[in-house]
Amino acid sequence: MRSAIWAVLLATLLTACSGDPYPLPPDPAHAGQLNPALVGKPVTAIVIYLEIRPVDRIELLGAEPAHPIEGATVRFLLDRPVVDTDSVTFTGEALEPLDGAVITPVSASPGPANQVGIVAELTAQRPGRFEMRSVRLRYRLNGGAERAGEGITVVWTVCADTPAPADCPE
């Protein structure tokens, strides 16, 4: 009987540990963004915010939409925060390639200073509505084995036409 109780406790503990989606957002997206776009012209949005724990080092290996987006190409970039004395902002002005980027905490305390933005750049090849509901991210945590996970912070919808639509119709 005791061994059965220990087996249940161990299984519960292992399930709880493996349920941590870190560094990806733990919940489904609670926000959405709509962008009009010209066909053939890239448009960008931060689709994931990753907060790095104060003792971790994450090497980003690549990203892709979790579901194919027919008629458009997507490239992923990294947006590091700009930290000043009063605030933390994401400017989108110093985007860098995501593949191979290493992110480490800026602060010894948890918070926005230790957050980076994963930016998607979508280029539509034809008119249409394109939606990104999840991103598959490949990474290494603290020099370990390659991992992959899915997540998104902001569900992103792009409406592309020539000329760009004034809004994104539902």
N, C-alpha and C. Protein backbone atom coordinates (compact mmCIF):
# COMPACT_ATOMS: atom_id res chain seq x y z
N MET A 1 0.81 -1.19 0.00
CA MET A 1 0.00 0.00 0.00
C MET A 1 0.86 1.26 0.00
N ARG A 2 1.94 1.23 0.83
CA ARG A 2 2.82 2.39 0.88
C ARG A 2 3.48 2.67 -0.46
N SER A 3 3.92 1.63 -1.15
CA SER A 3 4.57 1.84 -2.44
C SER A 3 3.59 2.43 -3.46
N ALA A 4 2.33 2.07 -3.37
CA ALA A 4 1.32 2.64 -4.27
C ALA A 4 1.14 4.13 -3.99
N ILE A 5 1.13 4.51 -2.73
CA ILE A 5 0.99 5.93 -2.36
C ILE A 5 2.19 6.71 -2.87
N TRP A 6 3.40 6.15 -2.68
CA TRP A 6 4.60 6.83 -3.17
C TRP A 6 4.59 6.94 -4.69
N ALA A 7 4.11 5.92 -5.36
CA ALA A 7 4.04 5.96 -6.83
C ALA A 7 3.10 7.07 -7.29
N VAL A 8 1.96 7.23 -6.62
CA VAL A 8 1.00 8.29 -6.97
C VAL A 8 1.62 9.66 -6.70
N LEU A 9 2.28 9.82 -5.55
CA LEU A 9 2.93 11.09 -5.23
C LEU A 9 4.02 11.43 -6.23
N LEU A 10 4.84 10.45 -6.61
CA LEU A 10 5.89 10.68 -7.59
C LEU A 10 5.32 11.05 -8.95
N ALA A 11 4.29 10.37 -9.38
CA ALA A 11 3.65 10.68 -10.67
C ALA A 11 3.07 12.09 -10.65
N THR A 12 2.45 12.48 -9.53
CA THR A 12 1.90 13.82 -9.41
C THR A 12 3.00 14.87 -9.49
N LEU A 13 4.10 14.63 -8.79
CA LEU A 13 5.22 15.55 -8.81
C LEU A 13 5.82 15.68 -10.20
N LEU A 14 6.02 14.58 -10.89
CA LEU A 14 6.57 14.62 -12.24
C LEU A 14 5.64 15.34 -13.20
N THR A 15 4.36 15.13 -13.07
CA THR A 15 3.39 15.82 -13.93
C THR A 15 3.44 17.31 -13.68
N ALA A 16 3.51 17.72 -12.43
CA ALA A 16 3.58 19.14 -12.10
C ALA A 16 4.84 19.77 -12.66
N CYS A 17 5.97 19.08 -12.56
CA CYS A 17 7.23 19.62 -13.07
C CYS A 17 7.22 19.73 -14.59
N SER A 18 6.68 18.74 -15.26
CA SER A 18 6.69 18.76 -16.72
C SER A 18 5.63 19.70 -17.28
N GLY A 19 4.72 20.19 -16.45
CA GLY A 19 3.68 21.09 -16.91
C GLY A 19 4.13 22.53 -17.05
N ASP A 20 5.35 22.85 -16.62
CA ASP A 20 5.87 24.22 -16.70
C ASP A 20 6.32 24.49 -18.13
N PRO A 21 5.64 25.38 -18.86
CA PRO A 21 6.00 25.64 -20.25
C PRO A 21 7.17 26.61 -20.42
N TYR A 22 7.78 27.04 -19.32
CA TYR A 22 8.87 28.02 -19.34
C TYR A 22 9.88 27.67 -20.42
N PRO A 23 10.32 28.63 -21.21
CA PRO A 23 10.15 30.08 -21.10
C PRO A 23 8.95 30.64 -21.85
N LEU A 24 8.13 29.79 -22.43
CA LEU A 24 6.97 30.27 -23.19
C LEU A 24 5.85 30.69 -22.25
N PRO A 25 4.94 31.55 -22.72
CA PRO A 25 3.82 31.98 -21.88
C PRO A 25 3.00 30.77 -21.43
N PRO A 26 2.57 30.73 -20.15
CA PRO A 26 1.88 29.56 -19.62
C PRO A 26 0.43 29.42 -20.07
N ASP A 27 -0.19 30.50 -20.49
CA ASP A 27 -1.61 30.48 -20.84
C ASP A 27 -1.80 30.83 -22.31
N PRO A 28 -2.96 30.53 -22.85
CA PRO A 28 -3.26 30.98 -24.21
C PRO A 28 -3.24 32.51 -24.26
N ALA A 29 -3.08 33.04 -25.44
CA ALA A 29 -3.04 34.49 -25.61
C ALA A 29 -4.32 35.13 -25.09
N HIS A 30 -4.14 36.25 -24.42
CA HIS A 30 -5.29 37.02 -23.93
C HIS A 30 -5.41 38.34 -24.67
N ALA A 31 -4.70 38.49 -25.77
CA ALA A 31 -4.73 39.73 -26.53
C ALA A 31 -4.69 39.39 -28.01
N GLY A 32 -5.11 40.35 -28.81
CA GLY A 32 -5.06 40.19 -30.26
C GLY A 32 -4.59 41.48 -30.90
N GLN A 33 -4.03 41.35 -32.08
CA GLN A 33 -3.59 42.53 -32.82
C GLN A 33 -4.00 42.35 -34.27
N LEU A 34 -4.54 43.42 -34.86
CA LEU A 34 -4.95 43.42 -36.26
C LEU A 34 -4.08 44.42 -37.00
N ASN A 35 -3.52 44.02 -38.16
CA ASN A 35 -2.70 44.92 -38.95
C ASN A 35 -3.10 44.86 -40.41
N PRO A 36 -3.36 46.03 -41.03
CA PRO A 36 -3.48 46.07 -42.48
C PRO A 36 -2.08 46.03 -43.08
N ALA A 37 -1.96 45.50 -44.29
CA ALA A 37 -0.64 45.39 -44.92
C ALA A 37 -0.79 45.44 -46.43
N LEU A 38 0.27 45.89 -47.08
CA LEU A 38 0.36 45.82 -48.53
C LEU A 38 0.90 44.45 -48.93
N VAL A 39 0.42 43.91 -50.02
CA VAL A 39 0.96 42.65 -50.53
C VAL A 39 2.42 42.91 -50.89
N GLY A 40 3.30 42.00 -50.45
CA GLY A 40 4.72 42.10 -50.76
C GLY A 40 5.53 42.97 -49.81
N LYS A 41 4.88 43.66 -48.87
CA LYS A 41 5.58 44.52 -47.91
C LYS A 41 5.49 43.90 -46.52
N PRO A 42 6.61 43.72 -45.83
CA PRO A 42 6.58 43.09 -44.51
C PRO A 42 5.91 43.98 -43.46
N VAL A 43 5.23 43.33 -42.53
CA VAL A 43 4.63 43.98 -41.38
C VAL A 43 5.04 43.17 -40.15
N THR A 44 5.29 43.85 -39.03
CA THR A 44 5.80 43.15 -37.85
C THR A 44 4.90 43.34 -36.64
N ALA A 45 5.03 42.38 -35.70
CA ALA A 45 4.33 42.45 -34.42
C ALA A 45 5.08 41.58 -33.42
N ILE A 46 5.09 42.00 -32.15
CA ILE A 46 5.62 41.14 -31.09
C ILE A 46 4.53 40.12 -30.80
N VAL A 47 4.85 38.85 -30.98
CA VAL A 47 3.86 37.80 -30.76
C VAL A 47 4.10 37.00 -29.48
N ILE A 48 5.32 37.07 -28.94
CA ILE A 48 5.63 36.39 -27.68
C ILE A 48 6.50 37.31 -26.83
N TYR A 49 6.16 37.41 -25.57
CA TYR A 49 7.04 38.04 -24.58
C TYR A 49 7.59 36.91 -23.71
N LEU A 50 8.91 36.81 -23.66
CA LEU A 50 9.56 35.81 -22.81
C LEU A 50 10.22 36.52 -21.64
N GLU A 51 9.93 36.09 -20.43
CA GLU A 51 10.63 36.63 -19.27
C GLU A 51 11.65 35.60 -18.82
N ILE A 52 12.91 35.99 -18.83
CA ILE A 52 14.00 35.10 -18.48
C ILE A 52 14.18 35.12 -16.96
N ARG A 53 14.22 33.94 -16.36
CA ARG A 53 14.45 33.87 -14.91
C ARG A 53 15.86 34.36 -14.60
N PRO A 54 16.04 34.99 -13.44
CA PRO A 54 17.32 35.64 -13.13
C PRO A 54 18.58 34.77 -13.22
N VAL A 55 18.48 33.46 -13.15
CA VAL A 55 19.68 32.62 -13.19
C VAL A 55 19.85 31.88 -14.52
N ASP A 56 18.99 32.12 -15.49
CA ASP A 56 18.99 31.32 -16.72
C ASP A 56 19.70 32.00 -17.89
N ARG A 57 20.05 31.15 -18.83
CA ARG A 57 20.61 31.56 -20.12
C ARG A 57 19.85 30.76 -21.17
N ILE A 58 19.29 31.45 -22.15
CA ILE A 58 18.52 30.77 -23.19
C ILE A 58 19.13 31.08 -24.54
N GLU A 59 19.44 30.02 -25.29
CA GLU A 59 19.90 30.17 -26.66
C GLU A 59 18.72 29.86 -27.57
N LEU A 60 18.33 30.83 -28.38
CA LEU A 60 17.20 30.65 -29.30
C LEU A 60 17.71 30.00 -30.59
N LEU A 61 17.11 28.89 -30.97
CA LEU A 61 17.58 28.13 -32.13
C LEU A 61 16.72 28.36 -33.37
N GLY A 62 15.48 28.77 -33.19
CA GLY A 62 14.61 29.00 -34.34
C GLY A 62 13.16 29.08 -33.92
N ALA A 63 12.33 29.56 -34.82
CA ALA A 63 10.90 29.66 -34.57
C ALA A 63 10.17 29.54 -35.90
N GLU A 64 8.92 29.13 -35.80
CA GLU A 64 8.06 29.03 -36.98
C GLU A 64 6.61 29.06 -36.52
N PRO A 65 5.71 29.46 -37.40
CA PRO A 65 4.29 29.37 -37.03
C PRO A 65 3.96 27.92 -36.72
N ALA A 66 3.18 27.68 -35.69
CA ALA A 66 2.81 26.31 -35.33
C ALA A 66 1.90 25.69 -36.39
N HIS A 67 1.20 26.52 -37.14
CA HIS A 67 0.32 26.06 -38.21
C HIS A 67 0.72 26.81 -39.48
N PRO A 68 0.80 26.12 -40.61
CA PRO A 68 1.22 26.78 -41.85
C PRO A 68 0.35 28.00 -42.18
N ILE A 69 1.00 29.02 -42.73
CA ILE A 69 0.28 30.22 -43.18
C ILE A 69 0.47 30.28 -44.69
N GLU A 70 -0.51 29.76 -45.40
CA GLU A 70 -0.44 29.69 -46.86
C GLU A 70 -0.55 31.09 -47.46
N GLY A 71 0.31 31.39 -48.44
CA GLY A 71 0.25 32.67 -49.13
C GLY A 71 1.05 33.77 -48.47
N ALA A 72 1.84 33.43 -47.44
CA ALA A 72 2.66 34.44 -46.77
C ALA A 72 3.92 33.77 -46.23
N THR A 73 4.98 34.55 -46.10
CA THR A 73 6.19 34.07 -45.45
C THR A 73 6.30 34.77 -44.09
N VAL A 74 6.90 34.07 -43.14
CA VAL A 74 7.07 34.63 -41.80
C VAL A 74 8.53 34.44 -41.40
N ARG A 75 9.10 35.51 -40.89
CA ARG A 75 10.46 35.49 -40.36
C ARG A 75 10.38 35.96 -38.91
N PHE A 76 11.21 35.36 -38.05
CA PHE A 76 11.18 35.73 -36.63
C PHE A 76 12.46 36.46 -36.24
N LEU A 77 12.28 37.47 -35.40
CA LEU A 77 13.37 38.33 -34.95
C LEU A 77 13.29 38.48 -33.43
N LEU A 78 14.35 39.02 -32.85
CA LEU A 78 14.39 39.25 -31.41
C LEU A 78 14.40 40.75 -31.15
N ASP A 79 13.61 41.18 -30.18
CA ASP A 79 13.57 42.58 -29.75
C ASP A 79 13.94 42.61 -28.26
N ARG A 80 15.14 43.11 -27.98
CA ARG A 80 15.57 43.23 -26.59
C ARG A 80 15.00 44.51 -25.99
N PRO A 81 14.72 44.50 -24.69
CA PRO A 81 14.12 45.69 -24.09
C PRO A 81 15.12 46.83 -23.96
N VAL A 82 14.59 48.04 -23.96
CA VAL A 82 15.37 49.23 -23.66
C VAL A 82 15.01 49.59 -22.23
N VAL A 83 15.99 49.51 -21.34
CA VAL A 83 15.75 49.74 -19.92
C VAL A 83 16.36 51.08 -19.54
N ASP A 84 15.50 51.99 -19.05
CA ASP A 84 16.04 53.23 -18.51
C ASP A 84 15.62 53.33 -17.04
N THR A 85 15.87 54.42 -16.41
CA THR A 85 15.62 54.53 -14.96
C THR A 85 14.14 54.48 -14.61
N ASP A 86 13.27 54.83 -15.55
CA ASP A 86 11.85 54.90 -15.24
C ASP A 86 11.01 53.76 -15.82
N SER A 87 11.50 53.13 -16.87
CA SER A 87 10.62 52.16 -17.52
C SER A 87 11.40 51.17 -18.37
N VAL A 88 10.67 50.20 -18.87
CA VAL A 88 11.18 49.21 -19.81
C VAL A 88 10.29 49.30 -21.04
N THR A 89 10.90 49.46 -22.21
CA THR A 89 10.12 49.55 -23.44
C THR A 89 10.70 48.64 -24.51
N PHE A 90 9.86 48.29 -25.46
CA PHE A 90 10.29 47.55 -26.63
C PHE A 90 10.12 48.50 -27.80
N THR A 91 11.23 48.87 -28.42
CA THR A 91 11.16 49.90 -29.46
C THR A 91 10.98 49.34 -30.86
N GLY A 92 11.43 48.11 -31.08
CA GLY A 92 11.35 47.55 -32.43
C GLY A 92 12.37 48.16 -33.37
N GLU A 93 13.26 49.00 -32.83
CA GLU A 93 14.24 49.68 -33.68
C GLU A 93 15.55 48.92 -33.81
N ALA A 94 15.81 48.00 -32.91
CA ALA A 94 17.08 47.27 -32.94
C ALA A 94 16.80 45.77 -33.02
N LEU A 95 15.98 45.37 -33.98
CA LEU A 95 15.66 43.95 -34.14
C LEU A 95 16.91 43.21 -34.60
N GLU A 96 17.03 41.97 -34.14
CA GLU A 96 18.17 41.15 -34.53
C GLU A 96 17.67 39.76 -34.89
N PRO A 97 18.47 39.01 -35.64
CA PRO A 97 18.04 37.65 -36.00
C PRO A 97 17.78 36.82 -34.74
N LEU A 98 16.73 36.03 -34.77
CA LEU A 98 16.38 35.19 -33.63
C LEU A 98 17.30 33.97 -33.56
N ASP A 99 17.54 33.33 -34.70
CA ASP A 99 18.35 32.10 -34.71
C ASP A 99 19.74 32.37 -34.17
N GLY A 100 20.11 31.65 -33.09
CA GLY A 100 21.43 31.78 -32.50
C GLY A 100 21.56 32.86 -31.44
N ALA A 101 20.52 33.67 -31.24
CA ALA A 101 20.59 34.72 -30.22
C ALA A 101 20.62 34.09 -28.83
N VAL A 102 21.40 34.68 -27.95
CA VAL A 102 21.49 34.24 -26.57
C VAL A 102 20.89 35.34 -25.70
N ILE A 103 19.96 34.93 -24.84
CA ILE A 103 19.34 35.90 -23.94
C ILE A 103 19.63 35.52 -22.50
N THR A 104 20.02 36.54 -21.75
CA THR A 104 20.33 36.37 -20.34
C THR A 104 19.62 37.49 -19.58
N PRO A 105 19.40 37.30 -18.29
CA PRO A 105 18.71 38.34 -17.53
C PRO A 105 19.56 39.60 -17.40
N VAL A 106 18.88 40.73 -17.39
CA VAL A 106 19.53 42.03 -17.21
C VAL A 106 19.56 42.37 -15.72
N SER A 107 18.56 41.88 -15.01
CA SER A 107 18.39 42.19 -13.60
C SER A 107 18.41 40.91 -12.76
N ALA A 108 18.85 41.03 -11.53
CA ALA A 108 18.85 39.88 -10.62
C ALA A 108 17.47 39.61 -10.04
N SER A 109 16.51 40.49 -10.31
CA SER A 109 15.14 40.33 -9.83
C SER A 109 14.22 40.04 -11.00
N PRO A 110 13.19 39.23 -10.79
CA PRO A 110 12.21 39.00 -11.87
C PRO A 110 11.53 40.32 -12.25
N GLY A 111 11.11 40.42 -13.50
CA GLY A 111 10.38 41.61 -13.93
C GLY A 111 10.60 41.94 -15.38
N PRO A 112 10.02 43.04 -15.85
CA PRO A 112 10.04 43.40 -17.27
C PRO A 112 11.44 43.60 -17.85
N ALA A 113 12.41 43.98 -17.02
CA ALA A 113 13.77 44.17 -17.55
C ALA A 113 14.35 42.86 -18.07
N ASN A 114 13.85 41.74 -17.59
CA ASN A 114 14.33 40.43 -18.02
C ASN A 114 13.45 39.84 -19.12
N GLN A 115 12.68 40.67 -19.78
CA GLN A 115 11.77 40.21 -20.81
C GLN A 115 12.30 40.59 -22.19
N VAL A 116 12.11 39.70 -23.16
CA VAL A 116 12.43 40.00 -24.55
C VAL A 116 11.18 39.77 -25.38
N GLY A 117 11.14 40.39 -26.54
CA GLY A 117 10.02 40.20 -27.45
C GLY A 117 10.44 39.34 -28.63
N ILE A 118 9.62 38.36 -28.96
CA ILE A 118 9.81 37.58 -30.18
C ILE A 118 8.89 38.22 -31.22
N VAL A 119 9.51 38.74 -32.27
CA VAL A 119 8.81 39.50 -33.29
C VAL A 119 8.61 38.63 -34.53
N ALA A 120 7.40 38.64 -35.04
CA ALA A 120 7.11 37.97 -36.32
C ALA A 120 7.04 39.04 -37.40
N GLU A 121 7.64 38.76 -38.54
CA GLU A 121 7.57 39.64 -39.70
C GLU A 121 6.87 38.85 -40.80
N LEU A 122 5.67 39.25 -41.14
CA LEU A 122 4.87 38.54 -42.14
C LEU A 122 4.87 39.33 -43.43
N THR A 123 5.12 38.64 -44.54
CA THR A 123 5.05 39.24 -45.86
C THR A 123 4.04 38.43 -46.67
N ALA A 124 2.93 39.07 -47.01
CA ALA A 124 1.89 38.40 -47.80
C ALA A 124 2.27 38.39 -49.27
N GLN A 125 2.12 37.24 -49.92
CA GLN A 125 2.38 37.15 -51.35
C GLN A 125 1.10 37.36 -52.17
N ARG A 126 -0.03 37.37 -51.49
CA ARG A 126 -1.32 37.55 -52.18
C ARG A 126 -2.27 38.26 -51.21
N PRO A 127 -3.33 38.86 -51.73
CA PRO A 127 -4.32 39.45 -50.83
C PRO A 127 -4.95 38.36 -49.96
N GLY A 128 -5.33 38.72 -48.77
CA GLY A 128 -6.00 37.77 -47.90
C GLY A 128 -5.84 38.11 -46.43
N ARG A 129 -6.42 37.24 -45.63
CA ARG A 129 -6.37 37.37 -44.17
C ARG A 129 -5.47 36.25 -43.65
N PHE A 130 -4.49 36.60 -42.84
CA PHE A 130 -3.51 35.65 -42.31
C PHE A 130 -3.52 35.75 -40.79
N GLU A 131 -3.58 34.61 -40.13
CA GLU A 131 -3.66 34.62 -38.67
C GLU A 131 -2.61 33.69 -38.06
N MET A 132 -1.91 34.21 -37.06
CA MET A 132 -0.94 33.42 -36.32
C MET A 132 -1.50 33.21 -34.91
N ARG A 133 -1.81 31.95 -34.59
CA ARG A 133 -2.41 31.61 -33.30
C ARG A 133 -1.42 30.95 -32.34
N SER A 134 -0.28 30.49 -32.85
CA SER A 134 0.72 29.88 -31.99
C SER A 134 2.05 29.85 -32.73
N VAL A 135 3.12 29.84 -31.95
CA VAL A 135 4.47 29.81 -32.50
C VAL A 135 5.20 28.62 -31.89
N ARG A 136 5.94 27.90 -32.71
CA ARG A 136 6.79 26.81 -32.22
C ARG A 136 8.20 27.37 -32.09
N LEU A 137 8.72 27.36 -30.86
CA LEU A 137 10.03 27.93 -30.56
C LEU A 137 10.99 26.80 -30.19
N ARG A 138 12.18 26.81 -30.82
CA ARG A 138 13.23 25.85 -30.47
C ARG A 138 14.31 26.61 -29.71
N TYR A 139 14.81 26.01 -28.62
CA TYR A 139 15.76 26.72 -27.76
C TYR A 139 16.57 25.74 -26.92
N ARG A 140 17.62 26.25 -26.29
CA ARG A 140 18.41 25.51 -25.30
C ARG A 140 18.38 26.31 -24.02
N LEU A 141 18.09 25.66 -22.92
CA LEU A 141 18.06 26.30 -21.62
C LEU A 141 19.31 25.90 -20.85
N ASN A 142 20.10 26.89 -20.47
CA ASN A 142 21.31 26.67 -19.68
C ASN A 142 22.26 25.64 -20.29
N GLY A 143 22.40 25.67 -21.62
CA GLY A 143 23.33 24.79 -22.30
C GLY A 143 22.87 23.35 -22.44
N GLY A 144 21.63 23.07 -22.09
CA GLY A 144 21.11 21.70 -22.16
C GLY A 144 20.75 21.29 -23.57
N ALA A 145 20.00 20.22 -23.65
CA ALA A 145 19.56 19.67 -24.93
C ALA A 145 18.55 20.61 -25.60
N GLU A 146 18.43 20.48 -26.91
CA GLU A 146 17.45 21.27 -27.64
C GLU A 146 16.05 20.93 -27.16
N ARG A 147 15.25 21.96 -26.98
CA ARG A 147 13.85 21.81 -26.59
C ARG A 147 12.98 22.55 -27.61
N ALA A 148 11.72 22.20 -27.61
CA ALA A 148 10.76 22.92 -28.45
C ALA A 148 9.47 23.06 -27.66
N GLY A 149 8.80 24.18 -27.86
CA GLY A 149 7.52 24.40 -27.21
C GLY A 149 6.67 25.32 -28.07
N GLU A 150 5.39 25.33 -27.78
CA GLU A 150 4.47 26.21 -28.51
C GLU A 150 3.84 27.20 -27.56
N GLY A 151 3.64 28.40 -28.04
CA GLY A 151 2.98 29.42 -27.25
C GLY A 151 2.84 30.69 -28.06
N ILE A 152 2.10 31.63 -27.50
CA ILE A 152 1.92 32.94 -28.11
C ILE A 152 1.36 33.86 -27.04
N THR A 153 1.72 35.12 -27.11
CA THR A 153 1.20 36.11 -26.18
C THR A 153 0.06 36.89 -26.82
N VAL A 154 0.22 37.19 -28.11
CA VAL A 154 -0.75 38.00 -28.85
C VAL A 154 -1.13 37.25 -30.12
N VAL A 155 -2.41 36.92 -30.29
CA VAL A 155 -2.88 36.34 -31.55
C VAL A 155 -2.83 37.46 -32.59
N TRP A 156 -2.21 37.18 -33.73
CA TRP A 156 -1.94 38.23 -34.71
C TRP A 156 -2.67 37.95 -36.01
N THR A 157 -3.44 38.93 -36.47
CA THR A 157 -4.17 38.83 -37.74
C THR A 157 -3.69 39.94 -38.67
N VAL A 158 -3.33 39.57 -39.89
CA VAL A 158 -2.90 40.53 -40.90
C VAL A 158 -3.86 40.44 -42.08
N CYS A 159 -4.37 41.58 -42.50
CA CYS A 159 -5.21 41.65 -43.71
C CYS A 159 -4.39 42.33 -44.79
N ALA A 160 -4.11 41.63 -45.86
CA ALA A 160 -3.25 42.17 -46.90
C ALA A 160 -4.02 42.39 -48.19
N ASP A 161 -3.74 43.51 -48.83
CA ASP A 161 -4.33 43.83 -50.11
C ASP A 161 -3.46 44.89 -50.76
N THR A 162 -3.77 45.26 -51.98
CA THR A 162 -3.10 46.35 -52.66
C THR A 162 -4.16 47.26 -53.23
N PRO A 163 -4.37 48.47 -52.70
CA PRO A 163 -3.66 49.07 -51.56
C PRO A 163 -4.06 48.41 -50.25
N ALA A 164 -3.31 48.72 -49.19
CA ALA A 164 -3.56 48.12 -47.88
C ALA A 164 -4.98 48.45 -47.43
N PRO A 165 -5.68 47.47 -46.84
CA PRO A 165 -7.04 47.74 -46.36
C PRO A 165 -7.01 48.71 -45.19
N ALA A 166 -8.07 49.50 -45.05
CA ALA A 166 -8.14 50.49 -43.97
C ALA A 166 -8.31 49.78 -42.62
N ASP A 167 -8.95 48.64 -42.63
CA ASP A 167 -9.10 47.88 -41.40
C ASP A 167 -9.12 46.39 -41.75
N CYS A 168 -9.18 45.58 -40.74
CA CYS A 168 -9.25 44.13 -40.96
C CYS A 168 -10.68 43.69 -40.69
N PRO A 169 -11.46 43.44 -41.73
CA PRO A 169 -12.83 43.01 -41.50
C PRO A 169 -12.88 41.66 -40.82
N GLU A 170 -13.87 41.49 -39.99
CA GLU A 170 -14.02 40.21 -39.27
C GLU A 170 -14.61 39.17 -40.19
